[in-house]
Amino acid sequence: MAGFSWKWLIGLIAVVLKPLLKAMTPTIEGEMEKALLGVYKAALATPNPIDDLAMKFILDIVDIDVPE
């Protein structure tokens, strides 16, 4: 697939998704944050480091701080 760029796709997702998420009501935004952080914690409990990486990536796209 000539000319395909993951960086372009990720940038597009971020540009579209971030404003959409910021337009959500605080209740839904909070629930989504809790759910994604729960999945992140579950990813940390698996032996697969790709799980951790994928969830950090998703949290970064939606501007949720990754817990230390």
PDB file of N, CA and C in Angstrom:
ATOM      1  N   MET A   1       0.851  -1.175   0.000  1.00  0.00           N
ATOM      2  CA  MET A   1       0.000   0.000   0.000  1.00  0.00           C
ATOM      3  C   MET A   1       0.897   1.238   0.000  1.00  0.00           C
ATOM      4  N   ALA A   2       1.234   1.691  -1.149  1.00  0.00           N
ATOM      5  CA  ALA A   2       2.153   2.822  -1.287  1.00  0.00           C
ATOM      6  C   ALA A   2       1.531   4.101  -0.746  1.00  0.00           C
ATOM      7  N   GLY A   3       2.324   4.835   0.005  1.00  0.00           N
ATOM      8  CA  GLY A   3       1.872   6.117   0.510  1.00  0.00           C
ATOM      9  C   GLY A   3       1.110   6.058   1.818  1.00  0.00           C
ATOM     10  N   PHE A   4       0.821   4.862   2.310  1.00  0.00           N
ATOM     11  CA  PHE A   4       0.094   4.749   3.576  1.00  0.00           C
ATOM     12  C   PHE A   4       1.013   5.107   4.728  1.00  0.00           C
ATOM     13  N   SER A   5       0.489   5.879   5.638  1.00  0.00           N
ATOM     14  CA  SER A   5       1.292   6.304   6.780  1.00  0.00           C
ATOM     15  C   SER A   5       0.494   6.125   8.057  1.00  0.00           C
ATOM     16  N   TRP A   6       1.031   5.335   8.978  1.00  0.00           N
ATOM     17  CA  TRP A   6       0.381   5.169  10.281  1.00  0.00           C
ATOM     18  C   TRP A   6       0.314   6.496  11.019  1.00  0.00           C
ATOM     19  N   LYS A   7       1.351   7.295  10.867  1.00  0.00           N
ATOM     20  CA  LYS A   7       1.375   8.601  11.536  1.00  0.00           C
ATOM     21  C   LYS A   7       0.195   9.457  11.070  1.00  0.00           C
ATOM     22  N   TRP A   8      -0.098   9.424   9.779  1.00  0.00           N
ATOM     23  CA  TRP A   8      -1.226  10.182   9.244  1.00  0.00           C
ATOM     24  C   TRP A   8      -2.534   9.666   9.829  1.00  0.00           C
ATOM     25  N   LEU A   9      -2.705   8.351   9.866  1.00  0.00           N
ATOM     26  CA  LEU A   9      -3.934   7.750  10.382  1.00  0.00           C
ATOM     27  C   LEU A   9      -4.123   8.071  11.858  1.00  0.00           C
ATOM     28  N   ILE A  10      -3.075   7.947  12.630  1.00  0.00           N
ATOM     29  CA  ILE A  10      -3.148   8.247  14.058  1.00  0.00           C
ATOM     30  C   ILE A  10      -3.474   9.721  14.269  1.00  0.00           C
ATOM     31  N   GLY A  11      -2.854  10.582  13.484  1.00  0.00           N
ATOM     32  CA  GLY A  11      -3.145  12.008  13.572  1.00  0.00           C
ATOM     33  C   GLY A  11      -4.598  12.306  13.252  1.00  0.00           C
ATOM     34  N   LEU A  12      -5.136  11.647  12.235  1.00  0.00           N
ATOM     35  CA  LEU A  12      -6.532  11.838  11.865  1.00  0.00           C
ATOM     36  C   LEU A  12      -7.458  11.385  12.990  1.00  0.00           C
ATOM     37  N   ILE A  13      -7.170  10.239  13.564  1.00  0.00           N
ATOM     38  CA  ILE A  13      -7.986   9.739  14.671  1.00  0.00           C
ATOM     39  C   ILE A  13      -7.971  10.739  15.825  1.00  0.00           C
ATOM     40  N   ALA A  14      -6.796  11.232  16.154  1.00  0.00           N
ATOM     41  CA  ALA A  14      -6.673  12.187  17.259  1.00  0.00           C
ATOM     42  C   ALA A  14      -7.433  13.473  16.959  1.00  0.00           C
ATOM     43  N   VAL A  15      -7.319  13.981  15.733  1.00  0.00           N
ATOM     44  CA  VAL A  15      -7.993  15.232  15.361  1.00  0.00           C
ATOM     45  C   VAL A  15      -9.506  15.081  15.428  1.00  0.00           C
ATOM     46  N   VAL A  16     -10.016  13.939  15.024  1.00  0.00           N
ATOM     47  CA  VAL A  16     -11.464  13.716  15.025  1.00  0.00           C
ATOM     48  C   VAL A  16     -11.966  13.346  16.418  1.00  0.00           C
ATOM     49  N   LEU A  17     -11.232  12.494  17.105  1.00  0.00           N
ATOM     50  CA  LEU A  17     -11.711  11.946  18.363  1.00  0.00           C
ATOM     51  C   LEU A  17     -11.631  12.925  19.534  1.00  0.00           C
ATOM     52  N   LYS A  18     -10.561  13.674  19.647  1.00  0.00           N
ATOM     53  CA  LYS A  18     -10.392  14.565  20.797  1.00  0.00           C
ATOM     54  C   LYS A  18     -11.516  15.583  20.940  1.00  0.00           C
ATOM     55  N   PRO A  19     -11.888  16.319  19.884  1.00  0.00           N
ATOM     56  CA  PRO A  19     -12.995  17.270  20.053  1.00  0.00           C
ATOM     57  C   PRO A  19     -14.324  16.580  20.366  1.00  0.00           C
ATOM     58  N   LEU A  20     -14.520  15.411  19.778  1.00  0.00           N
ATOM     59  CA  LEU A  20     -15.747  14.662  20.046  1.00  0.00           C
ATOM     60  C   LEU A  20     -15.832  14.284  21.521  1.00  0.00           C
ATOM     61  N   LEU A  21     -14.738  13.808  22.064  1.00  0.00           N
ATOM     62  CA  LEU A  21     -14.724  13.418  23.467  1.00  0.00           C
ATOM     63  C   LEU A  21     -14.908  14.615  24.391  1.00  0.00           C
ATOM     64  N   LYS A  22     -14.343  15.753  24.029  1.00  0.00           N
ATOM     65  CA  LYS A  22     -14.480  16.960  24.850  1.00  0.00           C
ATOM     66  C   LYS A  22     -15.904  17.496  24.834  1.00  0.00           C
ATOM     67  N   ALA A  23     -16.697  17.128  23.817  1.00  0.00           N
ATOM     68  CA  ALA A  23     -18.079  17.582  23.714  1.00  0.00           C
ATOM     69  C   ALA A  23     -19.040  16.710  24.522  1.00  0.00           C
ATOM     70  N   MET A  24     -18.556  15.600  25.059  1.00  0.00           N
ATOM     71  CA  MET A  24     -19.398  14.708  25.857  1.00  0.00           C
ATOM     72  C   MET A  24     -19.745  15.366  27.189  1.00  0.00           C
ATOM     73  N   THR A  25     -20.853  14.925  27.745  1.00  0.00           N
ATOM     74  CA  THR A  25     -21.206  15.409  29.081  1.00  0.00           C
ATOM     75  C   THR A  25     -20.174  14.892  30.072  1.00  0.00           C
ATOM     76  N   PRO A  26     -19.958  15.629  31.162  1.00  0.00           N
ATOM     77  CA  PRO A  26     -18.975  15.188  32.159  1.00  0.00           C
ATOM     78  C   PRO A  26     -19.267  13.783  32.705  1.00  0.00           C
ATOM     79  N   THR A  27     -20.533  13.432  32.812  1.00  0.00           N
ATOM     80  CA  THR A  27     -20.889  12.098  33.322  1.00  0.00           C
ATOM     81  C   THR A  27     -20.361  11.006  32.402  1.00  0.00           C
ATOM     82  N   ILE A  28     -20.616  11.146  31.121  1.00  0.00           N
ATOM     83  CA  ILE A  28     -20.180  10.129  30.162  1.00  0.00           C
ATOM     84  C   ILE A  28     -18.664  10.143  30.031  1.00  0.00           C
ATOM     85  N   GLU A  29     -18.070  11.321  30.016  1.00  0.00           N
ATOM     86  CA  GLU A  29     -16.616  11.421  29.934  1.00  0.00           C
ATOM     87  C   GLU A  29     -15.956  10.717  31.120  1.00  0.00           C
ATOM     88  N   GLY A  30     -16.512  10.920  32.320  1.00  0.00           N
ATOM     89  CA  GLY A  30     -15.981  10.270  33.520  1.00  0.00           C
ATOM     90  C   GLY A  30     -16.126   8.762  33.479  1.00  0.00           C
ATOM     91  N   GLU A  31     -17.270   8.297  33.011  1.00  0.00           N
ATOM     92  CA  GLU A  31     -17.495   6.853  32.914  1.00  0.00           C
ATOM     93  C   GLU A  31     -16.559   6.216  31.891  1.00  0.00           C
ATOM     94  N   MET A  32     -16.349   6.910  30.776  1.00  0.00           N
ATOM     95  CA  MET A  32     -15.436   6.385  29.769  1.00  0.00           C
ATOM     96  C   MET A  32     -14.014   6.327  30.326  1.00  0.00           C
ATOM     97  N   GLU A  33     -13.610   7.361  31.048  1.00  0.00           N
ATOM     98  CA  GLU A  33     -12.275   7.376  31.635  1.00  0.00           C
ATOM     99  C   GLU A  33     -12.106   6.215  32.615  1.00  0.00           C
ATOM    100  N   LYS A  34     -13.110   5.992  33.466  1.00  0.00           N
ATOM    101  CA  LYS A  34     -13.032   4.870  34.418  1.00  0.00           C
ATOM    102  C   LYS A  34     -12.925   3.539  33.679  1.00  0.00           C
ATOM    103  N   ALA A  35     -13.721   3.380  32.615  1.00  0.00           N
ATOM    104  CA  ALA A  35     -13.705   2.125  31.857  1.00  0.00           C
ATOM    105  C   ALA A  35     -12.347   1.897  31.194  1.00  0.00           C
ATOM    106  N   LEU A  36     -11.809   2.933  30.547  1.00  0.00           N
ATOM    107  CA  LEU A  36     -10.521   2.772  29.868  1.00  0.00           C
ATOM    108  C   LEU A  36      -9.385   2.542  30.862  1.00  0.00           C
ATOM    109  N   LEU A  37      -9.440   3.197  32.009  1.00  0.00           N
ATOM    110  CA  LEU A  37      -8.411   2.944  33.029  1.00  0.00           C
ATOM    111  C   LEU A  37      -8.534   1.529  33.585  1.00  0.00           C
ATOM    112  N   GLY A  38      -9.754   1.019  33.666  1.00  0.00           N
ATOM    113  CA  GLY A  38      -9.950  -0.370  34.083  1.00  0.00           C
ATOM    114  C   GLY A  38      -9.347  -1.343  33.099  1.00  0.00           C
ATOM    115  N   VAL A  39      -9.524  -1.080  31.814  1.00  0.00           N
ATOM    116  CA  VAL A  39      -8.925  -1.931  30.780  1.00  0.00           C
ATOM    117  C   VAL A  39      -7.406  -1.818  30.829  1.00  0.00           C
ATOM    118  N   TYR A  40      -6.894  -0.615  31.078  1.00  0.00           N
ATOM    119  CA  TYR A  40      -5.444  -0.430  31.196  1.00  0.00           C
ATOM    120  C   TYR A  40      -4.901  -1.263  32.357  1.00  0.00           C
ATOM    121  N   LYS A  41      -5.571  -1.241  33.492  1.00  0.00           N
ATOM    122  CA  LYS A  41      -5.127  -2.035  34.646  1.00  0.00           C
ATOM    123  C   LYS A  41      -5.168  -3.524  34.322  1.00  0.00           C
ATOM    124  N   ALA A  42      -6.187  -3.951  33.584  1.00  0.00           N
ATOM    125  CA  ALA A  42      -6.267  -5.358  33.171  1.00  0.00           C
ATOM    126  C   ALA A  42      -5.120  -5.697  32.221  1.00  0.00           C
ATOM    127  N   ALA A  43      -4.772  -4.765  31.348  1.00  0.00           N
ATOM    128  CA  ALA A  43      -3.659  -4.983  30.415  1.00  0.00           C
ATOM    129  C   ALA A  43      -2.353  -5.170  31.177  1.00  0.00           C
ATOM    130  N   LEU A  44      -2.166  -4.391  32.235  1.00  0.00           N
ATOM    131  CA  LEU A  44      -0.948  -4.523  33.037  1.00  0.00           C
ATOM    132  C   LEU A  44      -0.850  -5.894  33.710  1.00  0.00           C
ATOM    133  N   ALA A  45      -1.999  -6.489  33.975  1.00  0.00           N
ATOM    134  CA  ALA A  45      -2.018  -7.787  34.656  1.00  0.00           C
ATOM    135  C   ALA A  45      -1.740  -8.960  33.714  1.00  0.00           C
ATOM    136  N   THR A  46      -1.726  -8.715  32.423  1.00  0.00           N
ATOM    137  CA  THR A  46      -1.441  -9.796  31.473  1.00  0.00           C
ATOM    138  C   THR A  46       0.061  -9.892  31.241  1.00  0.00           C
ATOM    139  N   PRO A  47       0.536 -11.036  30.771  1.00  0.00           N
ATOM    140  CA  PRO A  47       1.967 -11.171  30.490  1.00  0.00           C
ATOM    141  C   PRO A  47       2.383 -10.553  29.147  1.00  0.00           C
ATOM    142  N   ASN A  48       1.416 -10.083  28.368  1.00  0.00           N
ATOM    143  CA  ASN A  48       1.700  -9.559  27.035  1.00  0.00           C
ATOM    144  C   ASN A  48       1.985  -8.052  27.093  1.00  0.00           C
ATOM    145  N   PRO A  49       3.214  -7.619  26.812  1.00  0.00           N
ATOM    146  CA  PRO A  49       3.542  -6.187  26.868  1.00  0.00           C
ATOM    147  C   PRO A  49       2.835  -5.367  25.791  1.00  0.00           C
ATOM    148  N   ILE A  50       2.362  -6.026  24.741  1.00  0.00           N
ATOM    149  CA  ILE A  50       1.621  -5.310  23.697  1.00  0.00           C
ATOM    150  C   ILE A  50       0.302  -4.782  24.257  1.00  0.00           C
ATOM    151  N   ASP A  51      -0.302  -5.512  25.184  1.00  0.00           N
ATOM    152  CA  ASP A  51      -1.530  -5.038  25.836  1.00  0.00           C
ATOM    153  C   ASP A  51      -1.274  -3.688  26.505  1.00  0.00           C
ATOM    154  N   ASP A  52      -0.172  -3.600  27.240  1.00  0.00           N
ATOM    155  CA  ASP A  52       0.182  -2.357  27.938  1.00  0.00           C
ATOM    156  C   ASP A  52       0.400  -1.230  26.932  1.00  0.00           C
ATOM    157  N   LEU A  53       1.155  -1.524  25.898  1.00  0.00           N
ATOM    158  CA  LEU A  53       1.476  -0.527  24.881  1.00  0.00           C
ATOM    159  C   LEU A  53       0.210  -0.024  24.177  1.00  0.00           C
ATOM    160  N   ALA A  54      -0.654  -0.939  23.801  1.00  0.00           N
ATOM    161  CA  ALA A  54      -1.885  -0.558  23.100  1.00  0.00           C
ATOM    162  C   ALA A  54      -2.767   0.327  23.978  1.00  0.00           C
ATOM    163  N   MET A  55      -2.884  -0.019  25.248  1.00  0.00           N
ATOM    164  CA  MET A  55      -3.733   0.780  26.126  1.00  0.00           C
ATOM    165  C   MET A  55      -3.106   2.142  26.423  1.00  0.00           C
ATOM    166  N   LYS A  56      -1.793   2.211  26.562  1.00  0.00           N
ATOM    167  CA  LYS A  56      -1.140   3.513  26.737  1.00  0.00           C
ATOM    168  C   LYS A  56      -1.393   4.384  25.512  1.00  0.00           C
ATOM    169  N   PHE A  57      -1.323   3.788  24.352  1.00  0.00           N
ATOM    170  CA  PHE A  57      -1.569   4.495  23.099  1.00  0.00           C
ATOM    171  C   PHE A  57      -2.990   5.053  23.068  1.00  0.00           C
ATOM    172  N   ILE A  58      -3.955   4.223  23.415  1.00  0.00           N
ATOM    173  CA  ILE A  58      -5.362   4.653  23.422  1.00  0.00           C
ATOM    174  C   ILE A  58      -5.583   5.760  24.445  1.00  0.00           C
ATOM    175  N   LEU A  59      -5.026   5.596  25.638  1.00  0.00           N
ATOM    176  CA  LEU A  59      -5.180   6.628  26.669  1.00  0.00           C
ATOM    177  C   LEU A  59      -4.558   7.945  26.210  1.00  0.00           C
ATOM    178  N   ASP A  60      -3.437   7.865  25.531  1.00  0.00           N
ATOM    179  CA  ASP A  60      -2.788   9.077  25.029  1.00  0.00           C
ATOM    180  C   ASP A  60      -3.666   9.776  23.986  1.00  0.00           C
ATOM    181  N   ILE A  61      -4.259   9.022  23.092  1.00  0.00           N
ATOM    182  CA  ILE A  61      -5.112   9.603  22.054  1.00  0.00           C
ATOM    183  C   ILE A  61      -6.296  10.347  22.672  1.00  0.00           C
ATOM    184  N   VAL A  62      -6.879   9.780  23.720  1.00  0.00           N
ATOM    185  CA  VAL A  62      -8.068  10.401  24.322  1.00  0.00           C
ATOM    186  C   VAL A  62      -7.718  11.321  25.492  1.00  0.00           C
ATOM    187  N   ASP A  63      -6.436  11.650  25.645  1.00  0.00           N
ATOM    188  CA  ASP A  63      -5.971  12.588  26.686  1.00  0.00           C
ATOM    189  C   ASP A  63      -6.312  12.172  28.107  1.00  0.00           C
ATOM    190  N   ILE A  64      -6.127  10.906  28.401  1.00  0.00           N
ATOM    191  CA  ILE A  64      -6.287  10.418  29.772  1.00  0.00           C
ATOM    192  C   ILE A  64      -4.890  10.112  30.297  1.00  0.00           C
ATOM    193  N   ASP A  65      -4.555  10.680  31.452  1.00  0.00           N
ATOM    194  CA  ASP A  65      -3.246  10.453  32.037  1.00  0.00           C
ATOM    195  C   ASP A  65      -3.070   8.984  32.425  1.00  0.00           C
ATOM    196  N   VAL A  66      -1.926   8.449  32.053  1.00  0.00           N
ATOM    197  CA  VAL A  66      -1.604   7.062  32.403  1.00  0.00           C
ATOM    198  C   VAL A  66      -1.125   7.056  33.854  1.00  0.00           C
ATOM    199  N   PRO A  67      -1.769   6.252  34.707  1.00  0.00           N
ATOM    200  CA  PRO A  67      -1.348   6.204  36.111  1.00  0.00           C
ATOM    201  C   PRO A  67       0.071   5.657  36.239  1.00  0.00           C
ATOM    202  N   GLU A  68       0.794   6.156  37.218  1.00  0.00           N
ATOM    203  CA  GLU A  68       2.169   5.692  37.473  1.00  0.00           C
ATOM    204  C   GLU A  68       2.143   4.409  38.266  1.00  0.00           C
TER     205      GLU A  68
END
